[in-house]
Amino acid sequence: MTTAITRYFYLILALGMAVMQPVQAGEPSVQVRTATVASQEISETLTAFGVLAADPDQVLSLSLSRAGLINRVWVRLGQRVKSGDRLLEIVTAPVERMQYLQAKSAVDFAQRKLQRQQQLLAEQLSTKAQVDAAAKNFQDATATLKALQQRGQGVEKEILRAPMDGIITRLDVSQGQRVQANTTAMLIADEHRLIARLGIEAEDLANVRAGTPVTITSVFVPDVTIATTVREVHAMIDPATHLVEVLAAVPEAQIGQLILGSRILGRLRLATYRALVVPRSAVLWERNQAYVYVVDAGKARRIAVKAGVDDGELIEVSGDLKAGDTVVVSGNYELRDGMAVREAR
């Protein structure tokens, strides 16, 4: 009897412990998004920063041919002008004006002297040599007067107008300023001919040449993208930036997307080859070691990789991977090796 009771007691105890034992919860998993490892062509790129500038071949320098006073200035730096627009008014300096009047008087005097010598020769009171000398003096005086007229010294006050459509990129005079002859007043750039001025390191110079494809984007407006090619590569280091300057022409059809002086970023495409690539977000780093998580039978498996060329969207990887493998591109920061994953819907 005692034995039966004892067995009954142990049976009840076992059943009670089974009831008290918690039910095993489902294995935790992380919701992720994935992408497929692809084998495709990728381009090695070189990133360079710079500025959008006027094409130096299409910049007109407006110089003042004579000394004078800047009486009016109708434009400002950066202003867009049309051909024929008023730029400035200059009043000829008194000394310059006096030179012109003296030259004009000299022409009148030389002309009268020549006429007199010709009349005396007709009356046989002068020689042919005297007439020739008078003619030479008249020609010299006329040439001097013509040169002063070309410089504008015959005009007391003159309004200078824009010779073409463009943008004032430099303004060196101001209203009320007295200027000397041959002073540069301003620079006018053709607004339809712009270039990207990019700076690269000297060690990258061997990989860049005229014709190298380059994609230009605005630093502050990254949605603006311009595709072009390198026009020329300079052969010296700029003392201000300590970089080698590279110029790329901006296609006229795309000039309206950026304005003169915009800060830009250029990506130069150097070489293209086939490689395994994954989205940039798939690659994580720990102590300078790159790695990815591959989904294998619903589990995340961490794989160390070597990162290569990065084109801004895709990145080259090499390691224990093959085309067609599934890698985690979102949610991978929460993963640990061997964790269960589920695809986000």
C-alpha atoms as a PDB file:
ATOM      1  CA  MET A   1       0.000   0.000   0.000  1.00  0.00           C
ATOM      2  CA  THR A   2       2.775   2.345   0.917  1.00  0.00           C
ATOM      3  CA  THR A   3       4.559   1.589  -2.341  1.00  0.00           C
ATOM      4  CA  ALA A   4       1.423   2.399  -4.378  1.00  0.00           C
ATOM      5  CA  ILE A   5       0.955   5.690  -2.523  1.00  0.00           C
ATOM      6  CA  THR A   6       4.587   6.582  -3.065  1.00  0.00           C
ATOM      7  CA  ARG A   7       4.319   5.941  -6.781  1.00  0.00           C
ATOM      8  CA  TYR A   8       1.123   7.989  -6.963  1.00  0.00           C
ATOM      9  CA  PHE A   9       2.845  10.863  -5.159  1.00  0.00           C
ATOM     10  CA  TYR A  10       5.792  10.919  -7.574  1.00  0.00           C
ATOM     11  CA  LEU A  11       3.409  10.788 -10.545  1.00  0.00           C
ATOM     12  CA  ILE A  12       1.467  13.830  -9.264  1.00  0.00           C
ATOM     13  CA  LEU A  13       4.762  15.637  -8.587  1.00  0.00           C
ATOM     14  CA  ALA A  14       6.015  14.959 -12.139  1.00  0.00           C
ATOM     15  CA  LEU A  15       2.775  16.179 -13.673  1.00  0.00           C
ATOM     16  CA  GLY A  16       2.911  19.336 -11.572  1.00  0.00           C
ATOM     17  CA  MET A  17       6.480  20.097 -12.649  1.00  0.00           C
ATOM     18  CA  ALA A  18       5.503  19.559 -16.275  1.00  0.00           C
ATOM     19  CA  VAL A  19       2.658  22.035 -15.884  1.00  0.00           C
ATOM     20  CA  MET A  20       4.981  24.563 -14.202  1.00  0.00           C
ATOM     21  CA  GLN A  21       7.653  24.232 -16.955  1.00  0.00           C
ATOM     22  CA  PRO A  22       7.364  27.338 -19.333  1.00  0.00           C
ATOM     23  CA  VAL A  23       6.575  26.664 -22.933  1.00  0.00           C
ATOM     24  CA  GLN A  24       9.612  27.149 -25.201  1.00  0.00           C
ATOM     25  CA  ALA A  25       9.154  30.435 -27.069  1.00  0.00           C
ATOM     26  CA  GLY A  26       9.751  30.690 -30.835  1.00  0.00           C
ATOM     27  CA  GLU A  27      13.328  31.506 -31.857  1.00  0.00           C
ATOM     28  CA  PRO A  28      13.772  35.326 -32.182  1.00  0.00           C
ATOM     29  CA  SER A  29      14.298  36.718 -35.687  1.00  0.00           C
ATOM     30  CA  VAL A  30      15.186  40.080 -37.246  1.00  0.00           C
ATOM     31  CA  GLN A  31      13.198  41.680 -40.043  1.00  0.00           C
ATOM     32  CA  VAL A  32      15.545  42.584 -42.908  1.00  0.00           C
ATOM     33  CA  ARG A  33      15.643  43.580 -46.530  1.00  0.00           C
ATOM     34  CA  THR A  34      17.930  41.772 -48.919  1.00  0.00           C
ATOM     35  CA  ALA A  35      19.578  42.081 -52.321  1.00  0.00           C
ATOM     36  CA  THR A  36      21.389  39.721 -54.640  1.00  0.00           C
ATOM     37  CA  VAL A  37      25.143  39.678 -55.200  1.00  0.00           C
ATOM     38  CA  ALA A  38      25.669  40.528 -58.874  1.00  0.00           C
ATOM     39  CA  SER A  39      28.533  40.137 -61.295  1.00  0.00           C
ATOM     40  CA  GLN A  40      28.642  43.207 -63.487  1.00  0.00           C
ATOM     41  CA  GLU A  41      30.859  45.937 -64.852  1.00  0.00           C
ATOM     42  CA  ILE A  42      31.887  48.629 -62.408  1.00  0.00           C
ATOM     43  CA  SER A  43      33.991  51.703 -63.000  1.00  0.00           C
ATOM     44  CA  GLU A  44      36.858  52.897 -60.875  1.00  0.00           C
ATOM     45  CA  THR A  45      36.104  56.518 -60.032  1.00  0.00           C
ATOM     46  CA  LEU A  46      38.068  59.519 -58.822  1.00  0.00           C
ATOM     47  CA  THR A  47      36.219  62.160 -56.820  1.00  0.00           C
ATOM     48  CA  ALA A  48      37.245  65.800 -57.187  1.00  0.00           C
ATOM     49  CA  PHE A  49      35.767  69.052 -55.886  1.00  0.00           C
ATOM     50  CA  GLY A  50      35.742  72.345 -57.719  1.00  0.00           C
ATOM     51  CA  VAL A  51      33.736  75.300 -58.948  1.00  0.00           C
ATOM     52  CA  LEU A  52      31.696  76.190 -62.018  1.00  0.00           C
ATOM     53  CA  ALA A  53      33.514  79.000 -63.835  1.00  0.00           C
ATOM     54  CA  ALA A  54      33.358  80.953 -67.066  1.00  0.00           C
ATOM     55  CA  ASP A  55      35.227  79.474 -70.019  1.00  0.00           C
ATOM     56  CA  PRO A  56      38.442  81.560 -70.197  1.00  0.00           C
ATOM     57  CA  ASP A  57      38.262  81.421 -74.002  1.00  0.00           C
ATOM     58  CA  GLN A  58      34.903  83.219 -73.867  1.00  0.00           C
ATOM     59  CA  VAL A  59      35.686  86.066 -71.454  1.00  0.00           C
ATOM     60  CA  LEU A  60      35.911  89.579 -72.888  1.00  0.00           C
ATOM     61  CA  SER A  61      38.054  92.205 -71.177  1.00  0.00           C
ATOM     62  CA  LEU A  62      36.654  95.718 -71.471  1.00  0.00           C
ATOM     63  CA  SER A  63      39.495  98.235 -71.210  1.00  0.00           C
ATOM     64  CA  LEU A  64      39.426 102.042 -71.201  1.00  0.00           C
ATOM     65  CA  SER A  65      41.557 103.397 -74.025  1.00  0.00           C
ATOM     66  CA  ARG A  66      42.017 106.832 -72.457  1.00  0.00           C
ATOM     67  CA  ALA A  67      42.341 108.478 -69.069  1.00  0.00           C
ATOM     68  CA  GLY A  68      39.267 110.051 -67.592  1.00  0.00           C
ATOM     69  CA  LEU A  69      36.598 110.141 -64.909  1.00  0.00           C
ATOM     70  CA  ILE A  70      34.044 107.361 -64.415  1.00  0.00           C
ATOM     71  CA  ASN A  71      30.894 109.462 -64.338  1.00  0.00           C
ATOM     72  CA  ARG A  72      28.294 106.641 -64.123  1.00  0.00           C
ATOM     73  CA  VAL A  73      28.291 102.868 -63.612  1.00  0.00           C
ATOM     74  CA  TRP A  74      25.079 101.005 -64.489  1.00  0.00           C
ATOM     75  CA  VAL A  75      26.137  97.413 -63.731  1.00  0.00           C
ATOM     76  CA  ARG A  76      27.138  95.361 -60.695  1.00  0.00           C
ATOM     77  CA  LEU A  77      29.280  92.287 -60.184  1.00  0.00           C
ATOM     78  CA  GLY A  78      27.431  89.141 -61.263  1.00  0.00           C
ATOM     79  CA  GLN A  79      24.810  91.079 -63.237  1.00  0.00           C
ATOM     80  CA  ARG A  80      23.521  89.556 -66.485  1.00  0.00           C
ATOM     81  CA  VAL A  81      23.694  91.991 -69.438  1.00  0.00           C
ATOM     82  CA  LYS A  82      22.458  91.949 -73.019  1.00  0.00           C
ATOM     83  CA  SER A  83      24.324  93.202 -76.057  1.00  0.00           C
ATOM     84  CA  GLY A  84      23.920  96.996 -76.257  1.00  0.00           C
ATOM     85  CA  ASP A  85      23.131  97.526 -72.557  1.00  0.00           C
ATOM     86  CA  ARG A  86      24.736 100.559 -70.930  1.00  0.00           C
ATOM     87  CA  LEU A  87      27.750  99.671 -68.807  1.00  0.00           C
ATOM     88  CA  LEU A  88      29.430 102.927 -67.791  1.00  0.00           C
ATOM     89  CA  GLU A  89      29.974 106.557 -68.811  1.00  0.00           C
ATOM     90  CA  ILE A  90      33.464 108.060 -69.004  1.00  0.00           C
ATOM     91  CA  VAL A  91      34.388 111.738 -69.201  1.00  0.00           C
ATOM     92  CA  THR A  92      37.657 112.286 -71.051  1.00  0.00           C
ATOM     93  CA  ALA A  93      40.446 113.735 -68.905  1.00  0.00           C
ATOM     94  CA  PRO A  94      41.315 117.409 -69.678  1.00  0.00           C
ATOM     95  CA  VAL A  95      44.882 116.504 -70.623  1.00  0.00           C
ATOM     96  CA  GLU A  96      43.669 113.870 -73.067  1.00  0.00           C
ATOM     97  CA  ARG A  97      41.150 116.292 -74.538  1.00  0.00           C
ATOM     98  CA  MET A  98      43.858 118.947 -74.919  1.00  0.00           C
ATOM     99  CA  GLN A  99      46.091 116.492 -76.809  1.00  0.00           C
ATOM    100  CA  TYR A 100      43.281 115.867 -79.257  1.00  0.00           C
ATOM    101  CA  LEU A 101      42.613 119.582 -79.809  1.00  0.00           C
ATOM    102  CA  GLN A 102      46.332 120.212 -80.319  1.00  0.00           C
ATOM    103  CA  ALA A 103      46.511 117.369 -82.828  1.00  0.00           C
ATOM    104  CA  LYS A 104      43.498 118.732 -84.693  1.00  0.00           C
ATOM    105  CA  SER A 105      45.094 122.183 -84.797  1.00  0.00           C
ATOM    106  CA  ALA A 106      48.332 120.644 -86.080  1.00  0.00           C
ATOM    107  CA  VAL A 107      46.435 118.989 -88.948  1.00  0.00           C
ATOM    108  CA  ASP A 108      44.829 122.297 -89.920  1.00  0.00           C
ATOM    109  CA  PHE A 109      48.176 124.070 -89.825  1.00  0.00           C
ATOM    110  CA  ALA A 110      49.943 121.316 -91.828  1.00  0.00           C
ATOM    111  CA  GLN A 111      47.175 121.349 -94.437  1.00  0.00           C
ATOM    112  CA  ARG A 112      47.402 125.122 -94.910  1.00  0.00           C
ATOM    113  CA  LYS A 113      51.190 124.915 -95.129  1.00  0.00           C
ATOM    114  CA  LEU A 114      50.972 122.205 -97.786  1.00  0.00           C
ATOM    115  CA  GLN A 115      48.503 124.248 -99.815  1.00  0.00           C
ATOM    116  CA  ARG A 116      50.796 127.275 -99.553  1.00  0.00           C
ATOM    117  CA  GLN A 117      53.850 125.316-100.671  1.00  0.00           C
ATOM    118  CA  GLN A 118      51.915 123.869-103.591  1.00  0.00           C
ATOM    119  CA  GLN A 119      50.866 127.410-104.631  1.00  0.00           C
ATOM    120  CA  LEU A 120      54.450 128.674-104.360  1.00  0.00           C
ATOM    121  CA  LEU A 121      55.671 125.754-106.440  1.00  0.00           C
ATOM    122  CA  ALA A 122      53.171 126.649-109.123  1.00  0.00           C
ATOM    123  CA  GLU A 123      54.630 130.208-109.124  1.00  0.00           C
ATOM    124  CA  GLN A 124      58.148 128.714-109.133  1.00  0.00           C
ATOM    125  CA  LEU A 125      58.829 130.257-105.730  1.00  0.00           C
ATOM    126  CA  SER A 126      59.253 126.907-103.954  1.00  0.00           C
ATOM    127  CA  THR A 127      60.942 123.602-104.631  1.00  0.00           C
ATOM    128  CA  LYS A 128      59.548 120.122-105.008  1.00  0.00           C
ATOM    129  CA  ALA A 129      61.452 119.068-101.864  1.00  0.00           C
ATOM    130  CA  GLN A 130      59.688 121.733 -99.795  1.00  0.00           C
ATOM    131  CA  VAL A 131      56.322 120.555-101.074  1.00  0.00           C
ATOM    132  CA  ASP A 132      57.184 116.929-100.228  1.00  0.00           C
ATOM    133  CA  ALA A 133      58.254 117.934 -96.724  1.00  0.00           C
ATOM    134  CA  ALA A 134      54.999 119.814 -96.199  1.00  0.00           C
ATOM    135  CA  ALA A 135      53.030 116.796 -97.464  1.00  0.00           C
ATOM    136  CA  LYS A 136      54.937 114.543 -95.053  1.00  0.00           C
ATOM    137  CA  ASN A 137      54.128 116.840 -92.116  1.00  0.00           C
ATOM    138  CA  PHE A 138      50.459 116.846 -93.117  1.00  0.00           C
ATOM    139  CA  GLN A 139      50.366 113.017 -93.290  1.00  0.00           C
ATOM    140  CA  ASP A 140      52.036 112.661 -89.875  1.00  0.00           C
ATOM    141  CA  ALA A 141      49.664 115.130 -88.250  1.00  0.00           C
ATOM    142  CA  THR A 142      46.661 113.380 -89.808  1.00  0.00           C
ATOM    143  CA  ALA A 143      47.874 109.980 -88.568  1.00  0.00           C
ATOM    144  CA  THR A 144      48.341 111.353 -85.042  1.00  0.00           C
ATOM    145  CA  LEU A 145      44.833 112.830 -85.036  1.00  0.00           C
ATOM    146  CA  LYS A 146      43.346 109.559 -86.307  1.00  0.00           C
ATOM    147  CA  ALA A 147      45.063 107.583 -83.536  1.00  0.00           C
ATOM    148  CA  LEU A 148      43.682 109.922 -80.873  1.00  0.00           C
ATOM    149  CA  GLN A 149      40.214 109.642 -82.403  1.00  0.00           C
ATOM    150  CA  GLN A 150      40.421 105.839 -82.221  1.00  0.00           C
ATOM    151  CA  ARG A 151      41.246 106.137 -78.515  1.00  0.00           C
ATOM    152  CA  GLY A 152      38.153 108.283 -78.075  1.00  0.00           C
ATOM    153  CA  GLN A 153      39.993 111.458 -77.076  1.00  0.00           C
ATOM    154  CA  GLY A 154      37.882 113.403 -79.520  1.00  0.00           C
ATOM    155  CA  VAL A 155      34.777 112.635 -77.461  1.00  0.00           C
ATOM    156  CA  GLU A 156      34.253 114.669 -74.309  1.00  0.00           C
ATOM    157  CA  LYS A 157      31.803 112.177 -72.789  1.00  0.00           C
ATOM    158  CA  GLU A 158      31.063 108.595 -73.899  1.00  0.00           C
ATOM    159  CA  ILE A 159      28.749 105.749 -72.832  1.00  0.00           C
ATOM    160  CA  LEU A 160      30.277 102.278 -73.176  1.00  0.00           C
ATOM    161  CA  ARG A 161      27.841  99.482 -74.028  1.00  0.00           C
ATOM    162  CA  ALA A 162      27.955  95.697 -73.709  1.00  0.00           C
ATOM    163  CA  PRO A 163      29.462  94.122 -76.855  1.00  0.00           C
ATOM    164  CA  MET A 164      27.681  90.777 -76.218  1.00  0.00           C
ATOM    165  CA  ASP A 165      25.291  88.912 -73.952  1.00  0.00           C
ATOM    166  CA  GLY A 166      27.018  87.788 -70.784  1.00  0.00           C
ATOM    167  CA  ILE A 167      27.675  88.076 -67.058  1.00  0.00           C
ATOM    168  CA  ILE A 168      29.865  90.666 -65.323  1.00  0.00           C
ATOM    169  CA  THR A 169      32.442  88.450 -63.619  1.00  0.00           C
ATOM    170  CA  ARG A 170      34.813  91.240 -62.572  1.00  0.00           C
ATOM    171  CA  LEU A 171      34.258  94.947 -61.997  1.00  0.00           C
ATOM    172  CA  ASP A 172      37.333  97.090 -61.354  1.00  0.00           C
ATOM    173  CA  VAL A 173      35.915 100.623 -61.515  1.00  0.00           C
ATOM    174  CA  SER A 174      33.420 102.603 -59.472  1.00  0.00           C
ATOM    175  CA  GLN A 175      31.476 105.793 -59.933  1.00  0.00           C
ATOM    176  CA  GLY A 176      33.611 108.917 -59.392  1.00  0.00           C
ATOM    177  CA  GLN A 177      36.901 107.074 -59.909  1.00  0.00           C
ATOM    178  CA  ARG A 178      39.662 108.633 -62.032  1.00  0.00           C
ATOM    179  CA  VAL A 179      41.337 106.080 -64.284  1.00  0.00           C
ATOM    180  CA  GLN A 180      44.424 105.962 -66.470  1.00  0.00           C
ATOM    181  CA  ALA A 181      44.552 104.888 -70.088  1.00  0.00           C
ATOM    182  CA  ASN A 182      44.398 101.116 -70.750  1.00  0.00           C
ATOM    183  CA  THR A 183      42.736 100.413 -67.391  1.00  0.00           C
ATOM    184  CA  THR A 184      40.672  97.202 -67.355  1.00  0.00           C
ATOM    185  CA  ALA A 185      37.158  98.229 -66.347  1.00  0.00           C
ATOM    186  CA  MET A 186      35.425  94.829 -66.244  1.00  0.00           C
ATOM    187  CA  LEU A 187      35.283  91.268 -67.541  1.00  0.00           C
ATOM    188  CA  ILE A 188      32.208  89.963 -69.344  1.00  0.00           C
ATOM    189  CA  ALA A 189      31.796  86.175 -69.621  1.00  0.00           C
ATOM    190  CA  ASP A 190      29.597  84.375 -72.106  1.00  0.00           C
ATOM    191  CA  GLU A 191      26.883  82.827 -69.921  1.00  0.00           C
ATOM    192  CA  HIS A 192      26.400  79.987 -72.423  1.00  0.00           C
ATOM    193  CA  ARG A 193      29.993  78.760 -72.205  1.00  0.00           C
ATOM    194  CA  LEU A 194      30.854  77.450 -68.723  1.00  0.00           C
ATOM    195  CA  ILE A 195      33.434  74.951 -67.497  1.00  0.00           C
ATOM    196  CA  ALA A 196      33.907  72.840 -64.402  1.00  0.00           C
ATOM    197  CA  ARG A 197      37.236  73.547 -62.712  1.00  0.00           C
ATOM    198  CA  LEU A 198      38.142  70.477 -60.649  1.00  0.00           C
ATOM    199  CA  GLY A 199      41.199  69.790 -58.497  1.00  0.00           C
ATOM    200  CA  ILE A 200      42.915  66.387 -58.288  1.00  0.00           C
ATOM    201  CA  GLU A 201      45.956  65.129 -56.406  1.00  0.00           C
ATOM    202  CA  ALA A 202      49.233  65.056 -58.320  1.00  0.00           C
ATOM    203  CA  GLU A 203      49.544  61.276 -57.859  1.00  0.00           C
ATOM    204  CA  ASP A 204      46.260  60.772 -59.767  1.00  0.00           C
ATOM    205  CA  LEU A 205      47.466  62.777 -62.747  1.00  0.00           C
ATOM    206  CA  ALA A 206      48.637  59.712 -64.721  1.00  0.00           C
ATOM    207  CA  ASN A 207      45.110  58.240 -64.711  1.00  0.00           C
ATOM    208  CA  VAL A 208      43.318  61.315 -66.076  1.00  0.00           C
ATOM    209  CA  ARG A 209      43.494  62.593 -69.629  1.00  0.00           C
ATOM    210  CA  ALA A 210      41.456  64.594 -72.108  1.00  0.00           C
ATOM    211  CA  GLY A 211      38.302  62.647 -72.924  1.00  0.00           C
ATOM    212  CA  THR A 212      37.972  60.961 -69.518  1.00  0.00           C
ATOM    213  CA  PRO A 213      34.223  60.721 -68.695  1.00  0.00           C
ATOM    214  CA  VAL A 214      33.145  62.827 -65.730  1.00  0.00           C
ATOM    215  CA  THR A 215      29.829  63.285 -63.947  1.00  0.00           C
ATOM    216  CA  ILE A 216      29.280  66.679 -62.329  1.00  0.00           C
ATOM    217  CA  THR A 217      26.859  67.285 -59.474  1.00  0.00           C
ATOM    218  CA  SER A 218      26.159  70.312 -57.327  1.00  0.00           C
ATOM    219  CA  VAL A 219      27.455  70.041 -53.771  1.00  0.00           C
ATOM    220  CA  PHE A 220      24.291  71.666 -52.432  1.00  0.00           C
ATOM    221  CA  VAL A 221      21.803  70.353 -55.031  1.00  0.00           C
ATOM    222  CA  PRO A 222      22.810  66.690 -55.503  1.00  0.00           C
ATOM    223  CA  ASP A 223      19.823  65.988 -57.755  1.00  0.00           C
ATOM    224  CA  VAL A 224      21.471  68.021 -60.536  1.00  0.00           C
ATOM    225  CA  THR A 225      23.681  65.719 -62.634  1.00  0.00           C
ATOM    226  CA  ILE A 226      25.687  66.702 -65.731  1.00  0.00           C
ATOM    227  CA  ALA A 227      27.539  64.177 -67.890  1.00  0.00           C
ATOM    228  CA  THR A 228      30.559  65.442 -69.814  1.00  0.00           C
ATOM    229  CA  THR A 229      34.263  64.700 -70.470  1.00  0.00           C
ATOM    230  CA  VAL A 230      37.577  66.208 -69.410  1.00  0.00           C
ATOM    231  CA  ARG A 231      38.671  68.931 -71.850  1.00  0.00           C
ATOM    232  CA  GLU A 232      42.185  69.563 -70.563  1.00  0.00           C
ATOM    233  CA  VAL A 233      44.507  68.603 -67.720  1.00  0.00           C
ATOM    234  CA  HIS A 234      46.971  71.172 -66.426  1.00  0.00           C
ATOM    235  CA  ALA A 235      50.594  70.313 -65.856  1.00  0.00           C
ATOM    236  CA  MET A 236      51.351  72.125 -62.597  1.00  0.00           C
ATOM    237  CA  ILE A 237      50.142  72.289 -59.010  1.00  0.00           C
ATOM    238  CA  ASP A 238      47.999  75.294 -58.199  1.00  0.00           C
ATOM    239  CA  PRO A 239      49.834  77.188 -55.411  1.00  0.00           C
ATOM    240  CA  ALA A 240      46.520  78.156 -53.792  1.00  0.00           C
ATOM    241  CA  THR A 241      44.840  74.728 -53.680  1.00  0.00           C
ATOM    242  CA  HIS A 242      47.930  72.476 -53.961  1.00  0.00           C
ATOM    243  CA  LEU A 243      45.993  70.438 -56.521  1.00  0.00           C
ATOM    244  CA  VAL A 244      46.272  69.946 -60.272  1.00  0.00           C
ATOM    245  CA  GLU A 245      43.436  71.632 -62.118  1.00  0.00           C
ATOM    246  CA  VAL A 246      41.260  69.669 -64.545  1.00  0.00           C
ATOM    247  CA  LEU A 247      38.790  71.426 -66.839  1.00  0.00           C
ATOM    248  CA  ALA A 248      35.569  69.904 -68.178  1.00  0.00           C
ATOM    249  CA  ALA A 249      33.182  71.769 -70.475  1.00  0.00           C
ATOM    250  CA  VAL A 250      29.525  71.926 -69.442  1.00  0.00           C
ATOM    251  CA  PRO A 251      27.138  71.094 -72.329  1.00  0.00           C
ATOM    252  CA  GLU A 252      25.184  74.200 -73.329  1.00  0.00           C
ATOM    253  CA  ALA A 253      21.863  72.358 -73.002  1.00  0.00           C
ATOM    254  CA  GLN A 254      22.519  71.756 -69.280  1.00  0.00           C
ATOM    255  CA  ILE A 255      23.998  75.119 -68.304  1.00  0.00           C
ATOM    256  CA  GLY A 256      20.669  76.362 -66.948  1.00  0.00           C
ATOM    257  CA  GLN A 257      20.781  73.767 -64.140  1.00  0.00           C
ATOM    258  CA  LEU A 258      23.657  75.492 -62.329  1.00  0.00           C
ATOM    259  CA  ILE A 259      24.821  79.065 -61.912  1.00  0.00           C
ATOM    260  CA  LEU A 260      28.256  80.581 -62.249  1.00  0.00           C
ATOM    261  CA  GLY A 261      30.342  80.066 -59.107  1.00  0.00           C
ATOM    262  CA  SER A 262      28.462  76.945 -57.921  1.00  0.00           C
ATOM    263  CA  ARG A 263      30.464  74.519 -55.786  1.00  0.00           C
ATOM    264  CA  ILE A 264      30.527  71.200 -57.607  1.00  0.00           C
ATOM    265  CA  LEU A 265      31.656  67.612 -57.211  1.00  0.00           C
ATOM    266  CA  GLY A 266      33.052  65.653 -60.138  1.00  0.00           C
ATOM    267  CA  ARG A 267      33.324  61.868 -60.418  1.00  0.00           C
ATOM    268  CA  LEU A 268      35.859  60.894 -63.066  1.00  0.00           C
ATOM    269  CA  ARG A 269      35.414  57.378 -64.476  1.00  0.00           C
ATOM    270  CA  LEU A 270      38.899  55.927 -64.879  1.00  0.00           C
ATOM    271  CA  ALA A 271      38.631  52.189 -65.657  1.00  0.00           C
ATOM    272  CA  THR A 272      35.798  49.696 -66.139  1.00  0.00           C
ATOM    273  CA  TYR A 273      35.962  45.959 -65.353  1.00  0.00           C
ATOM    274  CA  ARG A 274      33.716  43.086 -64.207  1.00  0.00           C
ATOM    275  CA  ALA A 275      33.436  42.323 -60.495  1.00  0.00           C
ATOM    276  CA  LEU A 276      31.067  41.132 -57.762  1.00  0.00           C
ATOM    277  CA  VAL A 277      29.060  44.072 -56.449  1.00  0.00           C
ATOM    278  CA  VAL A 278      26.520  44.688 -53.697  1.00  0.00           C
ATOM    279  CA  PRO A 279      24.615  47.796 -52.604  1.00  0.00           C
ATOM    280  CA  ARG A 280      26.703  50.070 -50.384  1.00  0.00           C
ATOM    281  CA  SER A 281      24.366  49.546 -47.411  1.00  0.00           C
ATOM    282  CA  ALA A 282      25.181  45.823 -47.395  1.00  0.00           C
ATOM    283  CA  VAL A 283      28.792  46.445 -46.340  1.00  0.00           C
ATOM    284  CA  LEU A 284      29.515  47.054 -42.646  1.00  0.00           C
ATOM    285  CA  TRP A 285      32.826  47.828 -40.963  1.00  0.00           C
ATOM    286  CA  GLU A 286      34.451  46.771 -37.726  1.00  0.00           C
ATOM    287  CA  ARG A 287      38.031  47.760 -36.900  1.00  0.00           C
ATOM    288  CA  ASN A 288      38.776  48.529 -40.553  1.00  0.00           C
ATOM    289  CA  GLN A 289      37.483  45.109 -41.594  1.00  0.00           C
ATOM    290  CA  ALA A 290      34.547  45.025 -44.009  1.00  0.00           C
ATOM    291  CA  TYR A 291      31.891  42.330 -43.733  1.00  0.00           C
ATOM    292  CA  VAL A 292      28.436  41.411 -44.990  1.00  0.00           C
ATOM    293  CA  TYR A 293      25.619  39.179 -43.782  1.00  0.00           C
ATOM    294  CA  VAL A 294      24.539  36.441 -46.186  1.00  0.00           C
ATOM    295  CA  VAL A 295      21.136  34.791 -45.731  1.00  0.00           C
ATOM    296  CA  ASP A 296      21.549  30.998 -45.708  1.00  0.00           C
ATOM    297  CA  ALA A 297      18.518  28.787 -44.874  1.00  0.00           C
ATOM    298  CA  GLY A 298      16.849  31.620 -42.963  1.00  0.00           C
ATOM    299  CA  LYS A 299      19.979  32.359 -40.914  1.00  0.00           C
ATOM    300  CA  ALA A 300      22.350  35.315 -41.123  1.00  0.00           C
ATOM    301  CA  ARG A 301      25.920  34.297 -41.766  1.00  0.00           C
ATOM    302  CA  ARG A 302      28.659  36.887 -41.335  1.00  0.00           C
ATOM    303  CA  ILE A 303      31.320  36.876 -44.061  1.00  0.00           C
ATOM    304  CA  ALA A 304      34.455  39.014 -44.103  1.00  0.00           C
ATOM    305  CA  VAL A 305      35.005  40.732 -47.451  1.00  0.00           C
ATOM    306  CA  LYS A 306      37.456  43.074 -49.077  1.00  0.00           C
ATOM    307  CA  ALA A 307      35.821  46.253 -50.327  1.00  0.00           C
ATOM    308  CA  GLY A 308      36.943  47.679 -53.643  1.00  0.00           C
ATOM    309  CA  VAL A 309      35.650  50.342 -56.003  1.00  0.00           C
ATOM    310  CA  ASP A 310      32.703  52.373 -54.733  1.00  0.00           C
ATOM    311  CA  ASP A 311      30.670  54.181 -57.408  1.00  0.00           C
ATOM    312  CA  GLY A 312      28.284  55.817 -54.961  1.00  0.00           C
ATOM    313  CA  GLU A 313      25.531  53.180 -55.228  1.00  0.00           C
ATOM    314  CA  LEU A 314      27.314  49.847 -55.605  1.00  0.00           C
ATOM    315  CA  ILE A 315      30.541  48.656 -54.060  1.00  0.00           C
ATOM    316  CA  GLU A 316      32.915  45.958 -55.266  1.00  0.00           C
ATOM    317  CA  VAL A 317      33.437  43.062 -52.819  1.00  0.00           C
ATOM    318  CA  SER A 318      35.573  39.950 -52.833  1.00  0.00           C
ATOM    319  CA  GLY A 319      35.645  37.013 -50.416  1.00  0.00           C
ATOM    320  CA  ASP A 320      33.590  33.888 -49.766  1.00  0.00           C
ATOM    321  CA  LEU A 321      30.803  35.128 -52.036  1.00  0.00           C
ATOM    322  CA  LYS A 322      29.427  34.272 -55.444  1.00  0.00           C
ATOM    323  CA  ALA A 323      26.942  35.811 -57.831  1.00  0.00           C
ATOM    324  CA  GLY A 324      23.391  35.020 -56.759  1.00  0.00           C
ATOM    325  CA  ASP A 325      24.040  34.997 -53.003  1.00  0.00           C
ATOM    326  CA  THR A 326      21.543  36.947 -50.905  1.00  0.00           C
ATOM    327  CA  VAL A 327      22.954  39.693 -48.715  1.00  0.00           C
ATOM    328  CA  VAL A 328      21.219  41.847 -46.102  1.00  0.00           C
ATOM    329  CA  VAL A 329      20.994  45.535 -47.040  1.00  0.00           C
ATOM    330  CA  SER A 330      18.665  46.818 -44.305  1.00  0.00           C
ATOM    331  CA  GLY A 331      18.468  45.677 -40.697  1.00  0.00           C
ATOM    332  CA  ASN A 332      21.996  44.279 -40.807  1.00  0.00           C
ATOM    333  CA  TYR A 333      23.121  46.499 -37.901  1.00  0.00           C
ATOM    334  CA  GLU A 334      20.907  44.411 -35.572  1.00  0.00           C
ATOM    335  CA  LEU A 335      22.263  41.053 -36.683  1.00  0.00           C
ATOM    336  CA  ARG A 336      24.671  38.638 -35.086  1.00  0.00           C
ATOM    337  CA  ASP A 337      26.190  35.627 -36.739  1.00  0.00           C
ATOM    338  CA  GLY A 338      23.649  32.774 -36.845  1.00  0.00           C
ATOM    339  CA  MET A 339      20.559  34.848 -36.040  1.00  0.00           C
ATOM    340  CA  ALA A 340      17.297  34.000 -37.766  1.00  0.00           C
ATOM    341  CA  VAL A 341      16.021  36.554 -40.281  1.00  0.00           C
ATOM    342  CA  ARG A 342      12.745  37.198 -42.031  1.00  0.00           C
ATOM    343  CA  GLU A 343      12.183  39.258 -45.162  1.00  0.00           C
ATOM    344  CA  ALA A 344      10.314  42.538 -44.701  1.00  0.00           C
ATOM    345  CA  ARG A 345       7.070  42.666 -46.603  1.00  0.00           C
END
